[in-house]
Amino acid sequence: LLAIIAAITLTMRKRPGLKVQNIAKQVAVRAKDRIRVVKM
């Protein structure tokens, strides 16, 4: 189990161009910041 966790940790290290997921920002986002309602 420790070997599996170590392998995952090695692949998640920071390097240029790596896109990571920020859970806190995703949870804190509001609908009006992402969606623009256009009335026609």
Full PDB file with SEQRES, HELIX, SHEET, SSBOND, CRYST1, ORIGX, SCALE, CONECT and MASTER records, all heavy atoms in Angstrom:
SEQRES   1 A   40  LEU LEU ALA ILE ILE ALA ALA ILE THR LEU THR MET ARG          
SEQRES   2 A   40  LYS ARG PRO GLY LEU LYS VAL GLN ASN ILE ALA LYS GLN          
SEQRES   3 A   40  VAL ALA VAL ARG ALA LYS ASP ARG ILE ARG VAL VAL LYS          
SEQRES   4 A   40  MET                                                          
HELIX    1 AA1 LEU A    2  THR A   11  1                                  10    
HELIX    2 AA2 ILE A   23  ALA A   28  1                                   6    
HELIX    3 AA3 ALA A   31  ARG A   34  1                                   4    
CRYST1    1.000    1.000    1.000  90.00  90.00  90.00 P 1           1          
ORIGX1      1.000000  0.000000  0.000000        0.00000                         
ORIGX2      0.000000  1.000000  0.000000        0.00000                         
ORIGX3      0.000000  0.000000  1.000000        0.00000                         
SCALE1      1.000000  0.000000  0.000000        0.00000                         
SCALE2      0.000000  1.000000  0.000000        0.00000                         
SCALE3      0.000000  0.000000  1.000000        0.00000                         
ATOM      1  N   LEU A   1       0.827  -1.202   0.000  1.00  0.00           N  
ATOM      2  CA  LEU A   1       0.000   0.000   0.000  1.00  0.00           C  
ATOM      3  C   LEU A   1       0.864   1.255   0.000  1.00  0.00           C  
ATOM      4  O   LEU A   1       0.590   2.225  -0.725  1.00  0.00           O  
ATOM      5  CB  LEU A   1      -0.930  -0.011   1.217  1.00  0.00           C  
ATOM      6  CG  LEU A   1      -1.823   1.222   1.390  1.00  0.00           C  
ATOM      7  CD1 LEU A   1      -2.767   1.373   0.199  1.00  0.00           C  
ATOM      8  CD2 LEU A   1      -2.611   1.135   2.680  1.00  0.00           C  
ATOM      9  N   LEU A   2       1.930   1.253   0.785  1.00  0.00           N  
ATOM     10  CA  LEU A   2       2.851   2.392   0.801  1.00  0.00           C  
ATOM     11  C   LEU A   2       3.522   2.575  -0.555  1.00  0.00           C  
ATOM     12  O   LEU A   2       3.756   3.712  -0.992  1.00  0.00           O  
ATOM     13  CB  LEU A   2       3.905   2.196   1.891  1.00  0.00           C  
ATOM     14  CG  LEU A   2       3.401   2.292   3.337  1.00  0.00           C  
ATOM     15  CD1 LEU A   2       4.535   1.988   4.309  1.00  0.00           C  
ATOM     16  CD2 LEU A   2       2.824   3.668   3.615  1.00  0.00           C  
ATOM     17  N   ALA A   3       3.838   1.475  -1.228  1.00  0.00           N  
ATOM     18  CA  ALA A   3       4.436   1.582  -2.558  1.00  0.00           C  
ATOM     19  C   ALA A   3       3.476   2.223  -3.548  1.00  0.00           C  
ATOM     20  O   ALA A   3       3.874   3.048  -4.379  1.00  0.00           O  
ATOM     21  CB  ALA A   3       4.864   0.195  -3.042  1.00  0.00           C  
ATOM     22  N   ILE A   4       2.193   1.882  -3.461  1.00  0.00           N  
ATOM     23  CA  ILE A   4       1.195   2.493  -4.342  1.00  0.00           C  
ATOM     24  C   ILE A   4       1.085   3.986  -4.065  1.00  0.00           C  
ATOM     25  O   ILE A   4       1.045   4.819  -4.994  1.00  0.00           O  
ATOM     26  CB  ILE A   4      -0.160   1.788  -4.163  1.00  0.00           C  
ATOM     27  CG1 ILE A   4      -0.075   0.342  -4.640  1.00  0.00           C  
ATOM     28  CG2 ILE A   4      -1.258   2.521  -4.912  1.00  0.00           C  
ATOM     29  CD1 ILE A   4      -1.302  -0.470  -4.324  1.00  0.00           C  
ATOM     30  N   ILE A   5       1.034   4.363  -2.787  1.00  0.00           N  
ATOM     31  CA  ILE A   5       0.934   5.774  -2.429  1.00  0.00           C  
ATOM     32  C   ILE A   5       2.180   6.537  -2.897  1.00  0.00           C  
ATOM     33  O   ILE A   5       2.092   7.667  -3.408  1.00  0.00           O  
ATOM     34  CB  ILE A   5       0.732   5.924  -0.913  1.00  0.00           C  
ATOM     35  CG1 ILE A   5      -0.618   5.315  -0.502  1.00  0.00           C  
ATOM     36  CG2 ILE A   5       0.808   7.383  -0.483  1.00  0.00           C  
ATOM     37  CD1 ILE A   5      -0.830   5.242   0.985  1.00  0.00           C  
ATOM     38  N   ALA A   6       3.354   5.926  -2.754  1.00  0.00           N  
ATOM     39  CA  ALA A   6       4.589   6.582  -3.200  1.00  0.00           C  
ATOM     40  C   ALA A   6       4.597   6.777  -4.707  1.00  0.00           C  
ATOM     41  O   ALA A   6       5.034   7.828  -5.202  1.00  0.00           O  
ATOM     42  CB  ALA A   6       5.794   5.755  -2.769  1.00  0.00           C  
ATOM     43  N   ALA A   7       4.097   5.790  -5.449  1.00  0.00           N  
ATOM     44  CA  ALA A   7       4.047   5.930  -6.904  1.00  0.00           C  
ATOM     45  C   ALA A   7       3.108   7.060  -7.320  1.00  0.00           C  
ATOM     46  O   ALA A   7       3.418   7.855  -8.222  1.00  0.00           O  
ATOM     47  CB  ALA A   7       3.613   4.614  -7.548  1.00  0.00           C  
ATOM     48  N   ILE A   8       1.959   7.163  -6.652  1.00  0.00           N  
ATOM     49  CA  ILE A   8       1.027   8.251  -6.959  1.00  0.00           C  
ATOM     50  C   ILE A   8       1.644   9.593  -6.603  1.00  0.00           C  
ATOM     51  O   ILE A   8       1.518  10.582  -7.340  1.00  0.00           O  
ATOM     52  CB  ILE A   8      -0.299   8.036  -6.205  1.00  0.00           C  
ATOM     53  CG1 ILE A   8      -0.993   6.769  -6.713  1.00  0.00           C  
ATOM     54  CG2 ILE A   8      -1.213   9.235  -6.367  1.00  0.00           C  
ATOM     55  CD1 ILE A   8      -2.198   6.369  -5.912  1.00  0.00           C  
ATOM     56  N   THR A   9       2.353   9.670  -5.488  1.00  0.00           N  
ATOM     57  CA  THR A   9       3.001  10.920  -5.075  1.00  0.00           C  
ATOM     58  C   THR A   9       4.064  11.347  -6.082  1.00  0.00           C  
ATOM     59  O   THR A   9       4.202  12.534  -6.395  1.00  0.00           O  
ATOM     60  CB  THR A   9       3.635  10.753  -3.687  1.00  0.00           C  
ATOM     61  OG1 THR A   9       2.630  10.298  -2.775  1.00  0.00           O  
ATOM     62  CG2 THR A   9       4.208  12.066  -3.188  1.00  0.00           C  
ATOM     63  N   LEU A  10       4.817  10.388  -6.622  1.00  0.00           N  
ATOM     64  CA  LEU A  10       5.839  10.726  -7.608  1.00  0.00           C  
ATOM     65  C   LEU A  10       5.232  11.293  -8.884  1.00  0.00           C  
ATOM     66  O   LEU A  10       5.788  12.207  -9.487  1.00  0.00           O  
ATOM     67  CB  LEU A  10       6.680   9.486  -7.935  1.00  0.00           C  
ATOM     68  CG  LEU A  10       7.681   9.037  -6.874  1.00  0.00           C  
ATOM     69  CD1 LEU A  10       8.317   7.722  -7.279  1.00  0.00           C  
ATOM     70  CD2 LEU A  10       8.750  10.104  -6.678  1.00  0.00           C  
ATOM     71  N   THR A  11       4.094  10.760  -9.291  1.00  0.00           N  
ATOM     72  CA  THR A  11       3.476  11.247 -10.522  1.00  0.00           C  
ATOM     73  C   THR A  11       2.775  12.580 -10.323  1.00  0.00           C  
ATOM     74  O   THR A  11       2.498  13.268 -11.309  1.00  0.00           O  
ATOM     75  CB  THR A  11       2.457  10.227 -11.045  1.00  0.00           C  
ATOM     76  OG1 THR A  11       1.471   9.976 -10.029  1.00  0.00           O  
ATOM     77  CG2 THR A  11       3.140   8.926 -11.390  1.00  0.00           C  
ATOM     78  N   MET A  12       2.487  12.968  -9.094  1.00  0.00           N  
ATOM     79  CA  MET A  12       1.770  14.222  -8.838  1.00  0.00           C  
ATOM     80  C   MET A  12       2.702  15.380  -8.490  1.00  0.00           C  
ATOM     81  O   MET A  12       2.261  16.399  -8.018  1.00  0.00           O  
ATOM     82  CB  MET A  12       0.769  14.017  -7.685  1.00  0.00           C  
ATOM     83  CG  MET A  12      -0.355  13.065  -8.013  1.00  0.00           C  
ATOM     84  SD  MET A  12      -1.389  13.645  -9.369  1.00  0.00           S  
ATOM     85  CE  MET A  12      -2.165  15.050  -8.594  1.00  0.00           C  
ATOM     86  N   ARG A  13       4.000  15.218  -8.708  1.00  0.00           N  
ATOM     87  CA  ARG A  13       4.912  16.295  -8.369  1.00  0.00           C  
ATOM     88  C   ARG A  13       4.734  17.465  -9.334  1.00  0.00           C  
ATOM     89  O   ARG A  13       4.243  17.298 -10.451  1.00  0.00           O  
ATOM     90  CB  ARG A  13       6.354  15.798  -8.404  1.00  0.00           C  
ATOM     91  CG  ARG A  13       6.916  15.600  -9.783  1.00  0.00           C  
ATOM     92  CD  ARG A  13       8.307  14.976  -9.692  1.00  0.00           C  
ATOM     93  NE  ARG A  13       9.024  15.102 -10.924  1.00  0.00           N  
ATOM     94  CZ  ARG A  13       8.895  14.305 -11.956  1.00  0.00           C  
ATOM     95  NH1 ARG A  13       8.020  13.319 -11.887  1.00  0.00           N  
ATOM     96  NH2 ARG A  13       9.593  14.468 -13.053  1.00  0.00           N  
ATOM     97  N   LYS A  14       5.156  18.659  -8.913  1.00  0.00           N  
ATOM     98  CA  LYS A  14       4.975  19.857  -9.716  1.00  0.00           C  
ATOM     99  C   LYS A  14       6.045  19.943 -10.788  1.00  0.00           C  
ATOM    100  O   LYS A  14       7.222  19.785 -10.525  1.00  0.00           O  
ATOM    101  CB  LYS A  14       5.021  21.100  -8.820  1.00  0.00           C  
ATOM    102  CG  LYS A  14       3.866  21.191  -7.851  1.00  0.00           C  
ATOM    103  CD  LYS A  14       3.932  22.462  -7.029  1.00  0.00           C  
ATOM    104  CE  LYS A  14       2.757  22.551  -6.063  1.00  0.00           C  
ATOM    105  NZ  LYS A  14       2.813  23.771  -5.243  1.00  0.00           N  
ATOM    106  N   ARG A  15       5.626  20.192 -12.009  1.00  0.00           N  
ATOM    107  CA  ARG A  15       6.552  20.416 -13.110  1.00  0.00           C  
ATOM    108  C   ARG A  15       5.899  21.373 -14.099  1.00  0.00           C  
ATOM    109  O   ARG A  15       4.675  21.539 -14.091  1.00  0.00           O  
ATOM    110  CB  ARG A  15       6.941  19.100 -13.780  1.00  0.00           C  
ATOM    111  CG  ARG A  15       5.807  18.291 -14.345  1.00  0.00           C  
ATOM    112  CD  ARG A  15       6.349  17.021 -14.988  1.00  0.00           C  
ATOM    113  NE  ARG A  15       5.298  16.235 -15.583  1.00  0.00           N  
ATOM    114  CZ  ARG A  15       4.702  15.232 -14.984  1.00  0.00           C  
ATOM    115  NH1 ARG A  15       5.052  14.913 -13.759  1.00  0.00           N  
ATOM    116  NH2 ARG A  15       3.750  14.545 -15.593  1.00  0.00           N  
ATOM    117  N   PRO A  16       6.679  22.022 -14.949  1.00  0.00           N  
ATOM    118  CA  PRO A  16       6.098  23.012 -15.874  1.00  0.00           C  
ATOM    119  C   PRO A  16       5.053  22.397 -16.786  1.00  0.00           C  
ATOM    120  O   PRO A  16       5.238  21.300 -17.325  1.00  0.00           O  
ATOM    121  CB  PRO A  16       7.323  23.484 -16.682  1.00  0.00           C  
ATOM    122  CG  PRO A  16       8.496  23.182 -15.814  1.00  0.00           C  
ATOM    123  CD  PRO A  16       8.138  21.964 -15.036  1.00  0.00           C  
ATOM    124  N   GLY A  17       3.951  23.106 -16.927  1.00  0.00           N  
ATOM    125  CA  GLY A  17       2.881  22.645 -17.803  1.00  0.00           C  
ATOM    126  C   GLY A  17       1.943  21.632 -17.196  1.00  0.00           C  
ATOM    127  O   GLY A  17       1.034  21.153 -17.875  1.00  0.00           O  
ATOM    128  N   LEU A  18       2.130  21.301 -15.924  1.00  0.00           N  
ATOM    129  CA  LEU A  18       1.262  20.324 -15.271  1.00  0.00           C  
ATOM    130  C   LEU A  18      -0.023  20.992 -14.803  1.00  0.00           C  
ATOM    131  O   LEU A  18       0.006  22.002 -14.108  1.00  0.00           O  
ATOM    132  CB  LEU A  18       1.982  19.687 -14.074  1.00  0.00           C  
ATOM    133  CG  LEU A  18       1.186  18.653 -13.283  1.00  0.00           C  
ATOM    134  CD1 LEU A  18       0.899  17.434 -14.155  1.00  0.00           C  
ATOM    135  CD2 LEU A  18       1.910  18.249 -12.023  1.00  0.00           C  
ATOM    136  N   LYS A  19      -1.150  20.467 -15.214  1.00  0.00           N  
ATOM    137  CA  LYS A  19      -2.453  20.996 -14.819  1.00  0.00           C  
ATOM    138  C   LYS A  19      -2.951  20.208 -13.614  1.00  0.00           C  
ATOM    139  O   LYS A  19      -3.095  18.992 -13.676  1.00  0.00           O  
ATOM    140  CB  LYS A  19      -3.445  20.885 -15.968  1.00  0.00           C  
ATOM    141  CG  LYS A  19      -3.072  21.739 -17.173  1.00  0.00           C  
ATOM    142  CD  LYS A  19      -4.107  21.626 -18.284  1.00  0.00           C  
ATOM    143  CE  LYS A  19      -3.736  22.509 -19.463  1.00  0.00           C  
ATOM    144  NZ  LYS A  19      -4.729  22.398 -20.564  1.00  0.00           N  
ATOM    145  N   VAL A  20      -3.181  20.925 -12.522  1.00  0.00           N  
ATOM    146  CA  VAL A  20      -3.656  20.290 -11.294  1.00  0.00           C  
ATOM    147  C   VAL A  20      -5.069  20.754 -10.993  1.00  0.00           C  
ATOM    148  O   VAL A  20      -5.521  21.799 -11.475  1.00  0.00           O  
ATOM    149  CB  VAL A  20      -2.716  20.602 -10.108  1.00  0.00           C  
ATOM    150  CG1 VAL A  20      -1.348  20.016 -10.356  1.00  0.00           C  
ATOM    151  CG2 VAL A  20      -2.621  22.101  -9.882  1.00  0.00           C  
ATOM    152  N   GLN A  21      -5.743  19.984 -10.186  1.00  0.00           N  
ATOM    153  CA  GLN A  21      -7.117  20.274  -9.823  1.00  0.00           C  
ATOM    154  C   GLN A  21      -7.149  20.891  -8.432  1.00  0.00           C  
ATOM    155  O   GLN A  21      -6.613  20.320  -7.483  1.00  0.00           O  
ATOM    156  CB  GLN A  21      -7.930  18.973  -9.857  1.00  0.00           C  
ATOM    157  CG  GLN A  21      -9.415  19.174  -9.641  1.00  0.00           C  
ATOM    158  CD  GLN A  21     -10.170  17.865  -9.751  1.00  0.00           C  
ATOM    159  OE1 GLN A  21      -9.566  16.804  -9.757  1.00  0.00           O  
ATOM    160  NE2 GLN A  21     -11.483  17.944  -9.831  1.00  0.00           N  
ATOM    161  N   ASN A  22      -7.765  22.094  -8.319  1.00  0.00           N  
ATOM    162  CA  ASN A  22      -7.900  22.770  -7.042  1.00  0.00           C  
ATOM    163  C   ASN A  22      -9.347  22.600  -6.576  1.00  0.00           C  
ATOM    164  O   ASN A  22     -10.262  23.268  -7.072  1.00  0.00           O  
ATOM    165  CB  ASN A  22      -7.537  24.257  -7.177  1.00  0.00           C  
ATOM    166  CG  ASN A  22      -7.360  24.923  -5.824  1.00  0.00           C  
ATOM    167  OD1 ASN A  22      -8.003  24.547  -4.844  1.00  0.00           O  
ATOM    168  ND2 ASN A  22      -6.488  25.914  -5.768  1.00  0.00           N  
ATOM    169  N   ILE A  23      -9.530  21.681  -5.630  1.00  0.00           N  
ATOM    170  CA  ILE A  23     -10.891  21.361  -5.178  1.00  0.00           C  
ATOM    171  C   ILE A  23     -11.530  22.552  -4.479  1.00  0.00           C  
ATOM    172  O   ILE A  23     -12.730  22.827  -4.643  1.00  0.00           O  
ATOM    173  CB  ILE A  23     -10.863  20.136  -4.254  1.00  0.00           C  
ATOM    174  CG1 ILE A  23     -10.158  18.957  -4.936  1.00  0.00           C  
ATOM    175  CG2 ILE A  23     -12.269  19.744  -3.831  1.00  0.00           C  
ATOM    176  CD1 ILE A  23     -10.840  18.471  -6.163  1.00  0.00           C  
ATOM    177  N   ALA A  24     -10.760  23.308  -3.681  1.00  0.00           N  
ATOM    178  CA  ALA A  24     -11.319  24.438  -2.930  1.00  0.00           C  
ATOM    179  C   ALA A  24     -11.877  25.504  -3.874  1.00  0.00           C  
ATOM    180  O   ALA A  24     -12.965  26.046  -3.645  1.00  0.00           O  
ATOM    181  CB  ALA A  24     -10.245  25.042  -2.025  1.00  0.00           C  
ATOM    182  N   LYS A  25     -11.155  25.805  -4.938  1.00  0.00           N  
ATOM    183  CA  LYS A  25     -11.650  26.807  -5.890  1.00  0.00           C  
ATOM    184  C   LYS A  25     -12.889  26.304  -6.622  1.00  0.00           C  
ATOM    185  O   LYS A  25     -13.809  27.084  -6.908  1.00  0.00           O  
ATOM    186  CB  LYS A  25     -10.554  27.149  -6.897  1.00  0.00           C  
ATOM    187  CG  LYS A  25      -9.415  27.972  -6.320  1.00  0.00           C  
ATOM    188  CD  LYS A  25      -8.415  28.336  -7.405  1.00  0.00           C  
ATOM    189  CE  LYS A  25      -7.289  29.198  -6.839  1.00  0.00           C  
ATOM    190  NZ  LYS A  25      -6.291  29.546  -7.885  1.00  0.00           N  
ATOM    191  N   GLN A  26     -12.936  25.036  -6.929  1.00  0.00           N  
ATOM    192  CA  GLN A  26     -14.105  24.491  -7.624  1.00  0.00           C  
ATOM    193  C   GLN A  26     -15.347  24.521  -6.745  1.00  0.00           C  
ATOM    194  O   GLN A  26     -16.454  24.798  -7.223  1.00  0.00           O  
ATOM    195  CB  GLN A  26     -13.818  23.062  -8.069  1.00  0.00           C  
ATOM    196  CG  GLN A  26     -12.794  22.966  -9.188  1.00  0.00           C  
ATOM    197  CD  GLN A  26     -12.527  21.537  -9.588  1.00  0.00           C  
ATOM    198  OE1 GLN A  26     -12.893  20.610  -8.878  1.00  0.00           O  
ATOM    199  NE2 GLN A  26     -11.873  21.357 -10.723  1.00  0.00           N  
ATOM    200  N   VAL A  27     -15.169  24.251  -5.457  1.00  0.00           N  
ATOM    201  CA  VAL A  27     -16.325  24.264  -4.553  1.00  0.00           C  
ATOM    202  C   VAL A  27     -16.796  25.694  -4.292  1.00  0.00           C  
ATOM    203  O   VAL A  27     -18.009  25.969  -4.174  1.00  0.00           O  
ATOM    204  CB  VAL A  27     -15.951  23.555  -3.223  1.00  0.00           C  
ATOM    205  CG1 VAL A  27     -17.070  23.709  -2.195  1.00  0.00           C  
ATOM    206  CG2 VAL A  27     -15.676  22.076  -3.485  1.00  0.00           C  
ATOM    207  N   ALA A  28     -15.853  26.649  -4.217  1.00  0.00           N  
ATOM    208  CA  ALA A  28     -16.195  28.037  -3.889  1.00  0.00           C  
ATOM    209  C   ALA A  28     -16.721  28.829  -5.073  1.00  0.00           C  
ATOM    210  O   ALA A  28     -17.136  29.983  -4.903  1.00  0.00           O  
ATOM    211  CB  ALA A  28     -14.970  28.745  -3.303  1.00  0.00           C  
ATOM    212  N   VAL A  29     -16.720  28.289  -6.268  1.00  0.00           N  
ATOM    213  CA  VAL A  29     -17.155  29.041  -7.438  1.00  0.00           C  
ATOM    214  C   VAL A  29     -18.667  29.287  -7.384  1.00  0.00           C  
ATOM    215  O   VAL A  29     -19.428  28.494  -6.830  1.00  0.00           O  
ATOM    216  CB  VAL A  29     -16.756  28.280  -8.715  1.00  0.00           C  
ATOM    217  CG1 VAL A  29     -17.636  27.067  -8.906  1.00  0.00           C  
ATOM    218  CG2 VAL A  29     -16.825  29.190  -9.919  1.00  0.00           C  
ATOM    219  N   ARG A  30     -19.074  30.425  -7.918  1.00  0.00           N  
ATOM    220  CA  ARG A  30     -20.500  30.765  -7.962  1.00  0.00           C  
ATOM    221  C   ARG A  30     -21.008  30.712  -9.395  1.00  0.00           C  
ATOM    222  O   ARG A  30     -20.250  30.903 -10.338  1.00  0.00           O  
ATOM    223  CB  ARG A  30     -20.719  32.170  -7.395  1.00  0.00           C  
ATOM    224  CG  ARG A  30     -20.395  32.268  -5.900  1.00  0.00           C  
ATOM    225  CD  ARG A  30     -20.533  33.685  -5.397  1.00  0.00           C  
ATOM    226  NE  ARG A  30     -19.582  34.566  -6.071  1.00  0.00           N  
ATOM    227  CZ  ARG A  30     -19.515  35.879  -5.857  1.00  0.00           C  
ATOM    228  NH1 ARG A  30     -20.353  36.442  -4.999  1.00  0.00           N  
ATOM    229  NH2 ARG A  30     -18.623  36.612  -6.493  1.00  0.00           N  
ATOM    230  N   ALA A  31     -22.283  30.485  -9.502  1.00  0.00           N  
ATOM    231  CA  ALA A  31     -22.864  30.315 -10.838  1.00  0.00           C  
ATOM    232  C   ALA A  31     -22.735  31.587 -11.660  1.00  0.00           C  
ATOM    233  O   ALA A  31     -22.473  31.534 -12.869  1.00  0.00           O  
ATOM    234  CB  ALA A  31     -24.327  29.900 -10.712  1.00  0.00           C  
ATOM    235  N   LYS A  32     -22.897  32.747 -11.038  1.00  0.00           N  
ATOM    236  CA  LYS A  32     -22.848  33.999 -11.805  1.00  0.00           C  
ATOM    237  C   LYS A  32     -21.432  34.321 -12.298  1.00  0.00           C  
ATOM    238  O   LYS A  32     -21.270  35.138 -13.201  1.00  0.00           O  
ATOM    239  CB  LYS A  32     -23.372  35.155 -10.959  1.00  0.00           C  
ATOM    240  CG  LYS A  32     -22.535  35.482  -9.738  1.00  0.00           C  
ATOM    241  CD  LYS A  32     -23.145  36.655  -8.991  1.00  0.00           C  
ATOM    242  CE  LYS A  32     -22.282  37.052  -7.787  1.00  0.00           C  
ATOM    243  NZ  LYS A  32     -22.858  38.205  -7.064  1.00  0.00           N  
ATOM    244  N   ASP A  33     -20.432  33.675 -11.680  1.00  0.00           N  
ATOM    245  CA  ASP A  33     -19.064  33.874 -12.171  1.00  0.00           C  
ATOM    246  C   ASP A  33     -18.774  33.033 -13.405  1.00  0.00           C  
ATOM    247  O   ASP A  33     -17.833  33.327 -14.146  1.00  0.00           O  
ATOM    248  CB  ASP A  33     -18.051  33.504 -11.076  1.00  0.00           C  
ATOM    249  CG  ASP A  33     -18.178  34.420  -9.862  1.00  0.00           C  
ATOM    250  OD1 ASP A  33     -18.614  35.570 -10.035  1.00  0.00           O  
ATOM    251  OD2 ASP A  33     -17.832  33.955  -8.751  1.00  0.00           O  
ATOM    252  N   ARG A  34     -19.547  32.028 -13.635  1.00  0.00           N  
ATOM    253  CA  ARG A  34     -19.301  31.120 -14.753  1.00  0.00           C  
ATOM    254  C   ARG A  34     -20.343  31.239 -15.866  1.00  0.00           C  
ATOM    255  O   ARG A  34     -20.042  30.898 -17.009  1.00  0.00           O  
ATOM    256  CB  ARG A  34     -19.297  29.665 -14.238  1.00  0.00           C  
ATOM    257  CG  ARG A  34     -18.149  29.328 -13.299  1.00  0.00           C  
ATOM    258  CD  ARG A  34     -16.834  29.330 -14.034  1.00  0.00           C  
ATOM    259  NE  ARG A  34     -15.718  28.986 -13.183  1.00  0.00           N  
ATOM    260  CZ  ARG A  34     -15.252  27.753 -13.031  1.00  0.00           C  
ATOM    261  NH1 ARG A  34     -15.823  26.759 -13.654  1.00  0.00           N  
ATOM    262  NH2 ARG A  34     -14.217  27.531 -12.242  1.00  0.00           N  
ATOM    263  N   ILE A  35     -21.531  31.658 -15.509  1.00  0.00           N  
ATOM    264  CA  ILE A  35     -22.623  31.674 -16.490  1.00  0.00           C  
ATOM    265  C   ILE A  35     -23.089  33.107 -16.697  1.00  0.00           C  
ATOM    266  O   ILE A  35     -23.298  33.852 -15.733  1.00  0.00           O  
ATOM    267  CB  ILE A  35     -23.809  30.801 -16.022  1.00  0.00           C  
ATOM    268  CG1 ILE A  35     -23.338  29.365 -15.813  1.00  0.00           C  
ATOM    269  CG2 ILE A  35     -24.946  30.850 -17.026  1.00  0.00           C  
ATOM    270  CD1 ILE A  35     -24.400  28.465 -15.223  1.00  0.00           C  
ATOM    271  N   ARG A  36     -23.251  33.496 -17.932  1.00  0.00           N  
ATOM    272  CA  ARG A  36     -23.782  34.813 -18.260  1.00  0.00           C  
ATOM    273  C   ARG A  36     -25.107  34.623 -18.979  1.00  0.00           C  
ATOM    274  O   ARG A  36     -25.170  33.959 -20.020  1.00  0.00           O  
ATOM    275  CB  ARG A  36     -22.806  35.568 -19.162  1.00  0.00           C  
ATOM    276  CG  ARG A  36     -23.248  37.000 -19.463  1.00  0.00           C  
ATOM    277  CD  ARG A  36     -22.091  37.801 -20.028  1.00  0.00           C  
ATOM    278  NE  ARG A  36     -21.541  37.198 -21.226  1.00  0.00           N  
ATOM    279  CZ  ARG A  36     -21.927  37.531 -22.472  1.00  0.00           C  
ATOM    280  NH1 ARG A  36     -22.856  38.455 -22.647  1.00  0.00           N  
ATOM    281  NH2 ARG A  36     -21.378  36.957 -23.507  1.00  0.00           N  
ATOM    282  N   VAL A  37     -26.144  35.164 -18.370  1.00  0.00           N  
ATOM    283  CA  VAL A  37     -27.484  35.025 -18.923  1.00  0.00           C  
ATOM    284  C   VAL A  37     -27.745  36.200 -19.853  1.00  0.00           C  
ATOM    285  O   VAL A  37     -27.628  37.366 -19.456  1.00  0.00           O  
ATOM    286  CB  VAL A  37     -28.546  34.970 -17.803  1.00  0.00           C  
ATOM    287  CG1 VAL A  37     -29.943  34.850 -18.400  1.00  0.00           C  
ATOM    288  CG2 VAL A  37     -28.254  33.806 -16.864  1.00  0.00           C  
ATOM    289  N   VAL A  38     -28.082  35.921 -21.069  1.00  0.00           N  
ATOM    290  CA  VAL A  38     -28.355  36.949 -22.085  1.00  0.00           C  
ATOM    291  C   VAL A  38     -29.849  36.930 -22.378  1.00  0.00           C  
ATOM    292  O   VAL A  38     -30.406  35.894 -22.745  1.00  0.00           O  
ATOM    293  CB  VAL A  38     -27.543  36.681 -23.368  1.00  0.00           C  
ATOM    294  CG1 VAL A  38     -27.864  37.745 -24.416  1.00  0.00           C  
ATOM    295  CG2 VAL A  38     -26.062  36.659 -23.067  1.00  0.00           C  
ATOM    296  N   LYS A  39     -30.504  38.070 -22.192  1.00  0.00           N  
ATOM    297  CA  LYS A  39     -31.938  38.185 -22.464  1.00  0.00           C  
ATOM    298  C   LYS A  39     -32.145  38.673 -23.891  1.00  0.00           C  
ATOM    299  O   LYS A  39     -31.554  39.669 -24.310  1.00  0.00           O  
ATOM    300  CB  LYS A  39     -32.584  39.146 -21.482  1.00  0.00           C  
ATOM    301  CG  LYS A  39     -32.573  38.641 -20.041  1.00  0.00           C  
ATOM    302  CD  LYS A  39     -33.307  39.595 -19.128  1.00  0.00           C  
ATOM    303  CE  LYS A  39     -33.321  39.058 -17.687  1.00  0.00           C  
ATOM    304  NZ  LYS A  39     -34.051  39.965 -16.765  1.00  0.00           N  
ATOM    305  N   MET A  40     -32.968  37.961 -24.594  1.00  0.00           N  
ATOM    306  CA  MET A  40     -33.270  38.316 -25.990  1.00  0.00           C  
ATOM    307  C   MET A  40     -34.771  38.313 -26.217  1.00  0.00           C  
ATOM    308  O   MET A  40     -35.502  37.591 -25.530  1.00  0.00           O  
ATOM    309  CB  MET A  40     -32.594  37.304 -26.954  1.00  0.00           C  
ATOM    310  CG  MET A  40     -31.091  37.269 -26.858  1.00  0.00           C  
ATOM    311  SD  MET A  40     -30.368  36.023 -27.938  1.00  0.00           S  
ATOM    312  CE  MET A  40     -30.923  36.630 -29.530  1.00  0.00           C  
TER     313      MET A  40                                                      
MASTER        0    0    0    3    0    0    0    6  312    1    0    4          
END                                                                             
